[in-house]
Amino acid sequence: MRQRVVRVAVVAALVAVVLLAVPLALAVRSALYTGQRDSLERAALAGAVRVSPDYASGDPVELPSPPAGGHLGLYDPQARLRAGDGPATADTSVRRALGGEAVRGRSAGDLVVAVPVSHAEHDIGVVRASSPAAAVRDRVLVAWAALLGVAGVALTVTVLVARRQARVLAAPLEDLSRHCRAVTEGDLTARAAPSSVAEIDQVARTHNEMLHSLSELLRRERDFAANASHQLRTPLTGLQLALESGMEQDDDSRLRPVLAEALDTTRRLHRTVEEVLRLSTSAALPRTRAANRPLGQVLRATEERWHGPFAQAGRRFECLARDVSDDIPVSGGPVTEILDIMLDNACVHGRGTVRLTVRDLDDALAFDVTDEGEVRGPAARLFDRGHSDGQGTGIGLALARDLAVSLGGRLSLTGRAPAAFTLLVPVGGTASEVAPSSSE
C-alpha cells in the first residue's frame, strides 16, 4: 500500500508539473525573445531620432550605443551602411523597412529590428539594431534549468510528504493485517489497536466487535459440547459398571447375551461421546493421532454390529477386505464412528445389499460403502449440516466428514446409482490426539 500511495502522489505531482511547467516554460521563452526585440526596437528608435536629414551630404551621424553584445547601424535608401555597425550591404529586414514600416526578423543567427527614418513624408534611411539570438537562447535555457530545478524540488518534497502519509495510512492497516493473521492462527483474544485514521478505526472497531461476537458464540458452543459430554459420560460410566457387575454376578445364560450386547452398546455410545467432545475442543487442522486398533478387529466388530440390523430389515450385509492385511493399525474410535454413520445412512436411505469394502492404496486405506439405492440432489449438500430428506436430522454425514478431516482423510460421494461413499484414511492416521477412552 505504501508504494501505491507514493506512486499516486508522484503521478499527481508530475501531471501538475507538466500542466504548469510546460506552459510556463513556453511563456518564459516568448517573454525573453519579445523583451530582447523590444530592447532592440527602443535602441533603433533612439538612433532614428538622432539622424539628421543632411547626413547624405556628409553631415556626421552620432548613433547611441548599441545593445549589449549587439550592433546598431544606419543605412541610406540605396541600402548602404552609412554609420554604426552592421553588414556592409543591407539585408532583407532593412530593405523591407525602406517601405515605411518597422520590421522584426532574423538574419544570419541574429535578432534584427529595422526602423525607417522619415523626413518630409519621405524615408531617408533605416536604422538597424541587432543582437545574437544565441545570447537569448542561453538565457532561455538558464530560465528553463531554474524551472526544472524548482520542479525537481517540488517532486522531491512530494515524495517525502507522500512517504510520510503512506506510513501514516499503512501502519494501521498493517497492524490490522497482523491482528487478522493472529486470529487465523487461533488467537481469538487479539484485538486491533486504534489509529489516527477515522475510516480505518471504524473498520477496526467493526472487526473487533465481530470477533468478540464470534468468540462468544464459539465459547458457548464449546461449553455446551463439553457440558453435554460430561453429563453423558457420568451416567454412561455408571451404566457400564452396572452391566459389567451384572454379567459377573448373573449366571443366567439367557441374560448374559443381552447384557453383553447392552454393554457393547454402552461402550460404543461412550466412544461416540468422546469423539464428539474431541471434535468440539480440537483445532481445525489435523494433528498426529495414534493408530491403536488392527484393521481386522475393526472390521469384525463392525460386521457383528450391523449384521443383525440389516438382517432384521431383510437385507444382506457383506464386509470384504481386498488384499489388505488385518494387522494394519487404524484409529479405531474415529474410523468405527464414521463407518457406523455410513452404514446407518445406507440402512435408512439405501436399498438392497450393502457392502463394506476395504482397499489398500499404499499410503492410504479406502473404505467403500455401497448399496443398490440411488443418490439424488447436489452431492455437495449431502454433507451440509442440517440437510436431510425428512428421514433424519441431517447431522450424520456432516459429523462423519468432520471426523474424516480430523484424521487427515476425506469422505466423499463416489457413486450415485448405485450409491457409493468412500472414506480415505492415511495409513498411520493424522488427527487430533486425545486421551483414549478406557473402553477402547
Protein backbone atom coordinates (compact mmCIF):
# COMPACT_ATOMS: atom_id res chain seq x y z
CA MET A 1 0.00 0.00 0.00
CA ARG A 2 2.84 2.39 0.81
CA GLN A 3 4.24 2.11 -2.70
CA ARG A 4 0.81 2.69 -4.20
CA VAL A 5 0.26 5.84 -2.14
CA VAL A 6 3.68 7.21 -3.11
CA ARG A 7 3.10 6.27 -6.74
CA VAL A 8 -0.26 8.04 -6.86
CA ALA A 9 1.17 11.17 -5.23
CA VAL A 10 4.15 11.27 -7.62
CA VAL A 11 1.92 10.76 -10.66
CA ALA A 12 -0.38 13.57 -9.49
CA ALA A 13 2.62 15.84 -8.91
CA LEU A 14 4.04 15.01 -12.34
CA VAL A 15 0.73 15.81 -14.01
CA ALA A 16 0.56 19.12 -12.12
CA VAL A 17 4.17 19.96 -13.03
CA VAL A 18 3.61 19.15 -16.69
CA LEU A 19 0.39 21.15 -16.85
CA LEU A 20 2.03 24.14 -15.16
CA ALA A 21 5.70 23.95 -16.15
CA VAL A 22 5.29 23.41 -19.90
CA PRO A 23 3.07 26.48 -20.50
CA LEU A 24 5.26 28.46 -18.10
CA ALA A 25 8.41 27.42 -19.98
CA LEU A 26 6.89 28.48 -23.28
CA ALA A 27 5.75 31.76 -21.74
CA VAL A 28 9.27 32.42 -20.37
CA ARG A 29 10.80 31.73 -23.79
CA SER A 30 8.35 34.02 -25.54
CA ALA A 31 8.84 36.76 -22.93
CA LEU A 32 12.65 36.69 -23.23
CA TYR A 33 12.60 36.88 -27.03
CA THR A 34 9.94 39.58 -27.01
CA GLY A 35 11.85 41.56 -24.40
CA GLN A 36 15.03 41.40 -26.46
CA ARG A 37 13.22 42.55 -29.60
CA ASP A 38 11.62 45.40 -27.64
CA SER A 39 15.09 46.41 -26.41
CA LEU A 40 16.40 46.39 -29.98
CA GLU A 41 13.42 48.45 -31.18
CA ARG A 42 13.98 51.06 -28.50
CA ALA A 43 17.66 51.30 -29.48
CA ALA A 44 16.72 51.64 -33.16
CA LEU A 45 14.14 54.35 -32.43
CA ALA A 46 16.65 56.23 -30.30
CA GLY A 47 19.07 56.07 -33.19
CA ALA A 48 16.46 57.21 -35.76
CA VAL A 49 15.73 60.32 -33.67
CA ARG A 50 19.39 61.39 -33.91
CA VAL A 51 19.67 61.02 -37.68
CA SER A 52 19.82 64.46 -39.44
CA PRO A 53 18.35 64.84 -42.94
CA ASP A 54 21.75 66.25 -44.02
CA TYR A 55 23.61 63.01 -43.28
CA ALA A 56 23.50 62.18 -47.03
CA SER A 57 25.60 65.25 -47.76
CA GLY A 58 28.28 64.26 -45.31
CA ASP A 59 26.92 65.57 -42.05
CA PRO A 60 28.21 63.14 -39.35
CA VAL A 61 25.69 60.92 -37.54
CA GLU A 62 26.04 60.22 -33.85
CA LEU A 63 24.18 56.99 -33.08
CA PRO A 64 23.61 55.88 -29.45
CA SER A 65 25.42 52.88 -28.00
CA PRO A 66 24.11 49.57 -29.33
CA PRO A 67 22.54 46.95 -27.01
CA ALA A 68 24.99 44.82 -25.07
CA GLY A 69 26.65 42.42 -27.47
CA GLY A 70 24.67 43.86 -30.40
CA HIS A 71 25.07 46.21 -33.36
CA LEU A 72 23.43 49.48 -34.43
CA GLY A 73 23.80 50.89 -37.94
CA LEU A 74 22.33 53.49 -40.35
CA TYR A 75 21.54 52.57 -43.96
CA ASP A 76 20.67 55.01 -46.75
CA PRO A 77 17.92 54.41 -49.32
CA GLN A 78 20.48 52.65 -51.52
CA ALA A 79 20.87 50.00 -48.75
CA ARG A 80 24.42 51.06 -47.96
CA LEU A 81 25.83 51.26 -44.42
CA ARG A 82 26.50 54.94 -43.65
CA ALA A 83 27.19 54.84 -39.90
CA GLY A 84 27.48 52.43 -36.98
CA ASP A 85 27.93 48.63 -37.18
CA GLY A 86 26.24 46.04 -39.34
CA PRO A 87 26.51 44.24 -42.65
CA ALA A 88 28.00 46.37 -45.42
CA THR A 89 25.04 45.56 -47.62
CA ALA A 90 21.53 45.81 -46.20
CA ASP A 91 19.71 42.57 -45.51
CA THR A 92 16.07 41.70 -46.13
CA SER A 93 14.83 43.36 -42.94
CA VAL A 94 16.40 46.70 -43.91
CA ARG A 95 15.01 46.52 -47.46
CA ARG A 96 11.51 45.83 -46.09
CA ALA A 97 11.84 48.73 -43.65
CA LEU A 98 12.56 51.10 -46.54
CA GLY A 99 8.89 50.64 -47.35
CA GLY A 100 7.97 52.75 -44.32
CA GLU A 101 7.21 50.15 -41.62
CA ALA A 102 9.30 48.86 -38.74
CA VAL A 103 10.39 45.24 -39.27
CA ARG A 104 11.25 42.49 -36.74
CA GLY A 105 13.05 39.40 -38.01
CA ARG A 106 16.08 37.16 -38.03
CA SER A 107 19.20 37.32 -40.12
CA ALA A 108 22.30 35.14 -40.00
CA GLY A 109 21.56 33.95 -36.45
CA ASP A 110 20.77 37.46 -35.14
CA LEU A 111 17.57 39.06 -33.93
CA VAL A 112 17.04 42.13 -36.12
CA VAL A 113 14.82 45.21 -35.78
CA ALA A 114 14.82 47.78 -38.63
CA VAL A 115 13.17 51.21 -38.11
CA PRO A 116 12.73 53.63 -41.05
CA VAL A 117 13.92 57.25 -40.73
CA SER A 118 11.40 59.70 -42.24
CA HIS A 119 11.68 63.37 -43.25
CA ALA A 120 9.06 65.42 -45.07
CA GLU A 121 6.98 62.31 -45.59
CA HIS A 122 9.92 60.54 -47.27
CA ASP A 123 12.07 57.68 -46.00
CA ILE A 124 15.65 58.88 -45.95
CA GLY A 125 17.18 55.83 -44.32
CA VAL A 126 16.82 52.88 -41.96
CA VAL A 127 18.32 52.29 -38.53
CA ARG A 128 19.10 48.61 -37.98
CA ALA A 129 19.60 47.12 -34.47
CA SER A 130 20.65 43.50 -33.99
CA SER A 131 21.90 41.10 -31.31
CA PRO A 132 22.91 37.40 -31.36
CA ALA A 133 19.94 35.05 -30.95
CA ALA A 134 22.28 32.61 -29.13
CA ALA A 135 22.51 35.01 -26.17
CA VAL A 136 18.74 34.99 -25.75
CA ARG A 137 18.67 31.22 -26.21
CA ASP A 138 21.21 30.84 -23.41
CA ARG A 139 19.03 32.98 -21.15
CA VAL A 140 16.03 30.81 -22.05
CA LEU A 141 17.99 27.66 -21.21
CA VAL A 142 19.06 29.12 -17.86
CA ALA A 143 15.45 30.01 -17.06
CA TRP A 144 14.31 26.53 -18.11
CA ALA A 145 17.02 24.95 -15.92
CA ALA A 146 15.84 27.02 -12.97
CA LEU A 147 12.26 25.97 -13.70
CA LEU A 148 13.34 22.34 -13.93
CA GLY A 149 15.16 22.65 -10.61
CA VAL A 150 12.05 24.06 -8.98
CA ALA A 151 10.03 21.17 -10.45
CA GLY A 152 12.60 18.69 -9.13
CA VAL A 153 12.42 20.24 -5.67
CA ALA A 154 8.63 20.07 -5.81
CA LEU A 155 8.72 16.40 -6.79
CA THR A 156 11.22 15.64 -4.02
CA VAL A 157 9.03 17.34 -1.46
CA THR A 158 6.04 15.47 -2.89
CA VAL A 159 7.82 12.11 -2.50
CA LEU A 160 8.85 12.90 1.09
CA VAL A 161 5.37 14.03 2.06
CA ALA A 162 3.79 11.07 0.24
CA ARG A 163 6.06 8.59 2.02
CA ARG A 164 5.18 10.10 5.37
CA GLN A 165 1.47 9.98 4.57
CA ALA A 166 1.85 6.43 3.28
CA ARG A 167 3.36 5.39 6.61
CA VAL A 168 0.51 7.10 8.45
CA LEU A 169 -2.10 5.33 6.30
CA ALA A 170 -0.40 1.95 6.00
CA ALA A 171 0.63 1.46 9.64
CA PRO A 172 -2.91 0.87 10.98
CA LEU A 173 -3.74 -1.39 8.04
CA GLU A 174 -0.58 -3.43 8.62
CA ASP A 175 -1.48 -3.68 12.30
CA LEU A 176 -4.98 -4.84 11.34
CA SER A 177 -3.43 -7.41 8.99
CA ARG A 178 -1.16 -8.73 11.78
CA HIS A 179 -4.18 -8.93 14.05
CA CYS A 180 -6.15 -10.90 11.44
CA ARG A 181 -3.16 -13.24 10.96
CA ALA A 182 -3.05 -13.85 14.72
CA VAL A 183 -6.77 -14.63 14.71
CA THR A 184 -6.25 -17.03 11.80
CA GLU A 185 -3.57 -18.80 13.83
CA GLY A 186 -6.06 -19.29 16.67
CA ASP A 187 -5.56 -16.28 18.96
CA LEU A 188 -9.15 -15.12 19.43
CA THR A 189 -8.06 -12.63 22.12
CA ALA A 190 -6.20 -10.43 19.62
CA ARG A 191 -7.75 -7.01 19.05
CA ALA A 192 -6.93 -4.29 16.52
CA ALA A 193 -5.47 -1.13 18.06
CA PRO A 194 -6.97 2.34 17.36
CA SER A 195 -5.23 4.64 14.88
CA SER A 196 -5.32 8.25 13.74
CA VAL A 197 -7.34 7.45 10.60
CA ALA A 198 -11.09 7.59 11.28
CA GLU A 199 -12.11 5.29 8.43
CA ILE A 200 -9.59 2.61 9.39
CA ASP A 201 -10.64 2.98 13.04
CA GLN A 202 -14.21 2.25 12.01
CA VAL A 203 -13.11 -0.92 10.22
CA ALA A 204 -11.01 -1.98 13.24
CA ARG A 205 -13.90 -1.39 15.67
CA THR A 206 -16.31 -3.34 13.47
CA HIS A 207 -13.80 -6.16 13.16
CA ASN A 208 -13.22 -6.27 16.92
CA GLU A 209 -16.96 -6.35 17.57
CA MET A 210 -17.39 -9.16 15.06
CA LEU A 211 -14.53 -11.12 16.62
CA HIS A 212 -15.97 -10.63 20.09
CA SER A 213 -19.35 -11.95 18.94
CA LEU A 214 -17.69 -14.87 17.19
CA SER A 215 -15.59 -15.68 20.26
CA GLU A 216 -18.67 -15.66 22.46
CA LEU A 217 -20.53 -17.91 20.03
CA LEU A 218 -17.64 -20.39 19.90
CA ARG A 219 -17.30 -20.33 23.67
CA ARG A 220 -20.97 -21.10 24.17
CA GLU A 221 -20.87 -23.92 21.62
CA ARG A 222 -17.75 -25.46 23.17
CA ASP A 223 -19.17 -25.09 26.65
CA PHE A 224 -22.36 -26.80 25.55
CA ALA A 225 -20.44 -29.68 23.95
CA ALA A 226 -18.20 -30.06 27.00
CA ASN A 227 -21.13 -29.88 29.41
CA ALA A 228 -23.27 -32.29 27.42
CA SER A 229 -20.37 -34.74 27.05
CA HIS A 230 -19.55 -34.54 30.75
CA GLN A 231 -23.15 -35.04 31.78
CA LEU A 232 -23.50 -38.01 29.40
CA ARG A 233 -20.21 -39.67 30.35
CA THR A 234 -21.07 -39.83 34.04
CA PRO A 235 -24.30 -41.88 33.71
CA LEU A 236 -22.78 -43.93 30.86
CA THR A 237 -19.85 -44.88 33.06
CA GLY A 238 -22.23 -45.85 35.84
CA LEU A 239 -24.38 -47.87 33.43
CA GLN A 240 -21.29 -49.60 32.03
CA LEU A 241 -20.08 -50.54 35.54
CA ALA A 242 -23.57 -51.82 36.44
CA LEU A 243 -23.74 -54.00 33.33
CA GLU A 244 -20.26 -55.41 33.95
CA SER A 245 -21.23 -56.17 37.55
CA GLY A 246 -24.46 -57.82 36.37
CA MET A 247 -22.59 -60.05 33.95
CA GLU A 248 -20.21 -61.16 36.71
CA GLN A 249 -23.00 -61.96 39.16
CA ASP A 250 -25.72 -63.31 36.86
CA ASP A 251 -25.35 -66.95 35.83
CA ASP A 252 -28.47 -66.96 33.67
CA SER A 253 -27.28 -67.99 30.24
CA ARG A 254 -30.26 -66.31 28.63
CA LEU A 255 -29.49 -62.87 30.15
CA ARG A 256 -25.75 -62.88 29.55
CA PRO A 257 -26.01 -62.30 25.76
CA VAL A 258 -28.46 -59.45 26.37
CA LEU A 259 -26.21 -57.90 28.99
CA ALA A 260 -23.17 -58.32 26.73
CA GLU A 261 -24.94 -56.57 23.86
CA ALA A 262 -26.10 -53.76 26.15
CA LEU A 263 -22.57 -53.39 27.49
CA ASP A 264 -21.14 -53.24 23.99
CA THR A 265 -23.72 -50.63 23.00
CA THR A 266 -22.86 -48.59 26.09
CA ARG A 267 -19.16 -48.70 25.21
CA ARG A 268 -19.87 -47.56 21.65
CA LEU A 269 -22.00 -44.73 22.97
CA HIS A 270 -19.16 -43.79 25.32
CA ARG A 271 -16.73 -43.70 22.39
CA THR A 272 -19.16 -41.58 20.36
CA VAL A 273 -19.40 -39.04 23.16
CA GLU A 274 -15.59 -38.94 23.36
CA GLU A 275 -15.25 -38.33 19.61
CA VAL A 276 -17.87 -35.56 19.63
CA LEU A 277 -16.08 -33.91 22.55
CA ARG A 278 -12.73 -34.25 20.76
CA LEU A 279 -14.09 -32.53 17.66
CA SER A 280 -15.60 -29.70 19.70
CA THR A 281 -12.35 -28.92 21.52
CA SER A 282 -9.68 -29.61 18.88
CA ALA A 283 -8.31 -27.17 16.34
CA ALA A 284 -9.46 -27.27 12.74
CA LEU A 285 -6.17 -28.63 11.44
CA PRO A 286 -5.40 -32.34 11.98
CA ARG A 287 -2.56 -33.47 14.23
CA THR A 288 -0.93 -36.80 14.81
CA ARG A 289 -3.25 -39.41 16.34
CA ALA A 290 -2.16 -42.89 17.35
CA ALA A 291 -3.43 -45.82 15.25
CA ASN A 292 -4.46 -48.05 18.13
CA ARG A 293 -6.54 -50.91 16.67
CA PRO A 294 -5.85 -53.52 13.97
CA LEU A 295 -7.96 -53.19 10.84
CA GLY A 296 -9.24 -56.77 11.11
CA GLN A 297 -10.60 -56.16 14.60
CA VAL A 298 -12.41 -53.01 13.47
CA LEU A 299 -13.99 -54.82 10.50
CA ARG A 300 -15.08 -57.85 12.54
CA ALA A 301 -16.64 -55.64 15.21
CA THR A 302 -18.44 -53.62 12.53
CA GLU A 303 -19.74 -56.75 10.80
CA GLU A 304 -21.01 -58.20 14.10
CA ARG A 305 -22.68 -54.92 14.99
CA TRP A 306 -24.51 -54.39 11.70
CA HIS A 307 -25.31 -57.92 10.61
CA GLY A 308 -28.38 -58.05 12.88
CA PRO A 309 -29.98 -54.69 11.89
CA PHE A 310 -29.64 -55.43 8.16
CA ALA A 311 -30.95 -58.98 8.65
CA GLN A 312 -33.99 -57.65 10.51
CA ALA A 313 -34.63 -55.32 7.55
CA GLY A 314 -34.42 -58.30 5.16
CA ARG A 315 -31.20 -57.08 3.55
CA ARG A 316 -27.72 -58.56 3.15
CA PHE A 317 -24.58 -57.03 4.59
CA GLU A 318 -21.15 -58.02 3.28
CA CYS A 319 -17.80 -56.96 4.66
CA LEU A 320 -14.82 -57.51 2.31
CA ALA A 321 -11.11 -56.74 2.51
CA ARG A 322 -9.29 -56.98 -0.83
CA ASP A 323 -5.62 -57.87 -0.41
CA VAL A 324 -5.45 -55.86 2.81
CA SER A 325 -3.60 -57.11 5.87
CA ASP A 326 -5.70 -57.42 9.01
CA ASP A 327 -2.76 -56.14 11.06
CA ILE A 328 -2.71 -52.62 9.59
CA PRO A 329 -3.29 -50.26 12.54
CA VAL A 330 -6.02 -47.63 12.27
CA SER A 331 -7.50 -45.06 14.63
CA GLY A 332 -10.21 -47.33 15.93
CA GLY A 333 -12.58 -44.82 17.53
CA PRO A 334 -12.97 -42.30 14.69
CA VAL A 335 -12.93 -44.91 11.89
CA THR A 336 -15.55 -47.02 13.68
CA GLU A 337 -17.74 -43.96 14.21
CA ILE A 338 -17.51 -42.95 10.53
CA LEU A 339 -18.29 -46.49 9.33
CA ASP A 340 -21.29 -46.65 11.66
CA ILE A 341 -22.64 -43.38 10.24
CA MET A 342 -22.12 -44.55 6.64
CA LEU A 343 -23.78 -47.92 7.30
CA ASP A 344 -26.66 -46.29 9.18
CA ASN A 345 -27.14 -43.95 6.20
CA ALA A 346 -27.21 -47.00 3.86
CA CYS A 347 -29.66 -48.78 6.15
CA VAL A 348 -32.08 -45.86 6.32
CA HIS A 349 -31.80 -44.38 2.83
CA GLY A 350 -30.41 -47.23 0.69
CA ARG A 351 -31.82 -50.43 -0.79
CA GLY A 352 -30.71 -54.00 -1.38
CA THR A 353 -27.36 -55.48 -0.43
CA VAL A 354 -24.91 -53.28 1.45
CA ARG A 355 -21.17 -53.90 1.02
CA LEU A 356 -18.28 -52.55 3.05
CA THR A 357 -15.09 -52.99 1.04
CA VAL A 358 -11.58 -52.05 2.14
CA ARG A 359 -8.85 -51.34 -0.44
CA ASP A 360 -5.14 -50.78 0.11
CA LEU A 361 -3.87 -47.68 -1.75
CA ASP A 362 -0.28 -47.97 -0.46
CA ASP A 363 -0.28 -44.73 1.54
CA ALA A 364 -3.97 -44.82 2.47
CA LEU A 365 -6.90 -47.14 3.07
CA ALA A 366 -10.15 -46.75 1.14
CA PHE A 367 -13.39 -47.82 2.85
CA ASP A 368 -16.19 -48.13 0.27
CA VAL A 369 -19.81 -48.43 1.43
CA THR A 370 -22.19 -49.26 -1.43
CA ASP A 371 -25.81 -50.30 -1.75
CA GLU A 372 -28.35 -50.70 -4.55
CA GLY A 373 -30.10 -47.39 -3.93
CA GLU A 374 -29.76 -44.04 -5.70
CA VAL A 375 -28.48 -40.68 -4.52
CA ARG A 376 -30.40 -37.63 -5.70
CA GLY A 377 -29.73 -33.93 -5.37
CA PRO A 378 -26.43 -31.98 -5.33
CA ALA A 379 -23.55 -34.06 -3.96
CA ALA A 380 -22.10 -31.12 -2.00
CA ARG A 381 -25.30 -30.65 0.01
CA LEU A 382 -25.25 -34.22 1.29
CA PHE A 383 -22.54 -33.20 3.75
CA ASP A 384 -24.18 -29.92 4.81
CA ARG A 385 -25.20 -29.94 8.44
CA GLY A 386 -28.99 -29.95 8.76
CA HIS A 387 -29.62 -31.19 5.20
CA SER A 388 -31.92 -34.23 5.08
CA ASP A 389 -34.80 -35.72 3.09
CA GLY A 390 -37.15 -35.72 6.07
CA GLN A 391 -35.96 -39.07 7.48
CA GLY A 392 -33.21 -37.75 9.74
CA THR A 393 -31.58 -34.73 11.33
CA GLY A 394 -29.00 -34.15 8.61
CA ILE A 395 -26.13 -34.36 11.10
CA GLY A 396 -24.68 -37.83 10.47
CA LEU A 397 -22.80 -37.29 7.21
CA ALA A 398 -21.64 -33.84 8.31
CA LEU A 399 -20.24 -35.37 11.52
CA ALA A 400 -18.62 -38.19 9.53
CA ARG A 401 -16.98 -35.67 7.21
CA ASP A 402 -15.59 -33.70 10.18
CA LEU A 403 -14.25 -36.90 11.75
CA ALA A 404 -12.60 -37.83 8.44
CA VAL A 405 -10.95 -34.41 8.21
CA SER A 406 -9.72 -34.77 11.81
CA LEU A 407 -7.98 -37.99 10.69
CA GLY A 408 -6.33 -36.20 7.78
CA GLY A 409 -8.62 -38.12 5.41
CA ARG A 410 -11.62 -37.41 3.21
CA LEU A 411 -15.20 -38.64 2.92
CA SER A 412 -16.88 -38.24 -0.47
CA LEU A 413 -19.70 -39.46 -2.66
CA THR A 414 -18.19 -41.68 -5.36
CA GLY A 415 -21.31 -43.10 -6.97
CA ARG A 416 -24.95 -42.10 -7.44
CA ALA A 417 -26.61 -45.20 -8.93
CA PRO A 418 -25.79 -47.44 -7.23
CA ALA A 419 -24.97 -45.24 -4.24
CA ALA A 420 -21.36 -45.35 -3.07
CA PHE A 421 -19.48 -43.43 -0.38
CA THR A 422 -15.70 -43.67 0.09
CA LEU A 423 -13.64 -42.88 3.17
CA LEU A 424 -9.92 -42.31 2.57
CA VAL A 425 -7.73 -42.64 5.66
CA PRO A 426 -3.92 -42.19 5.56
CA VAL A 427 -2.04 -45.23 6.79
CA GLY A 428 -0.86 -44.36 10.29
CA GLY A 429 -3.59 -41.68 10.61
CA THR A 430 -3.34 -37.95 11.22
CA ALA A 431 -5.76 -36.46 13.66
CA SER A 432 -6.04 -34.66 16.93
CA GLU A 433 -4.50 -36.64 19.76
CA VAL A 434 -6.77 -37.09 22.76
CA ALA A 435 -6.57 -39.41 25.72
CA PRO A 436 -8.15 -42.72 24.66
CA SER A 437 -11.26 -43.86 26.40
CA SER A 438 -10.88 -46.66 28.86
CA SER A 439 -13.43 -48.57 26.83
CA GLU A 440 -11.32 -48.63 23.67
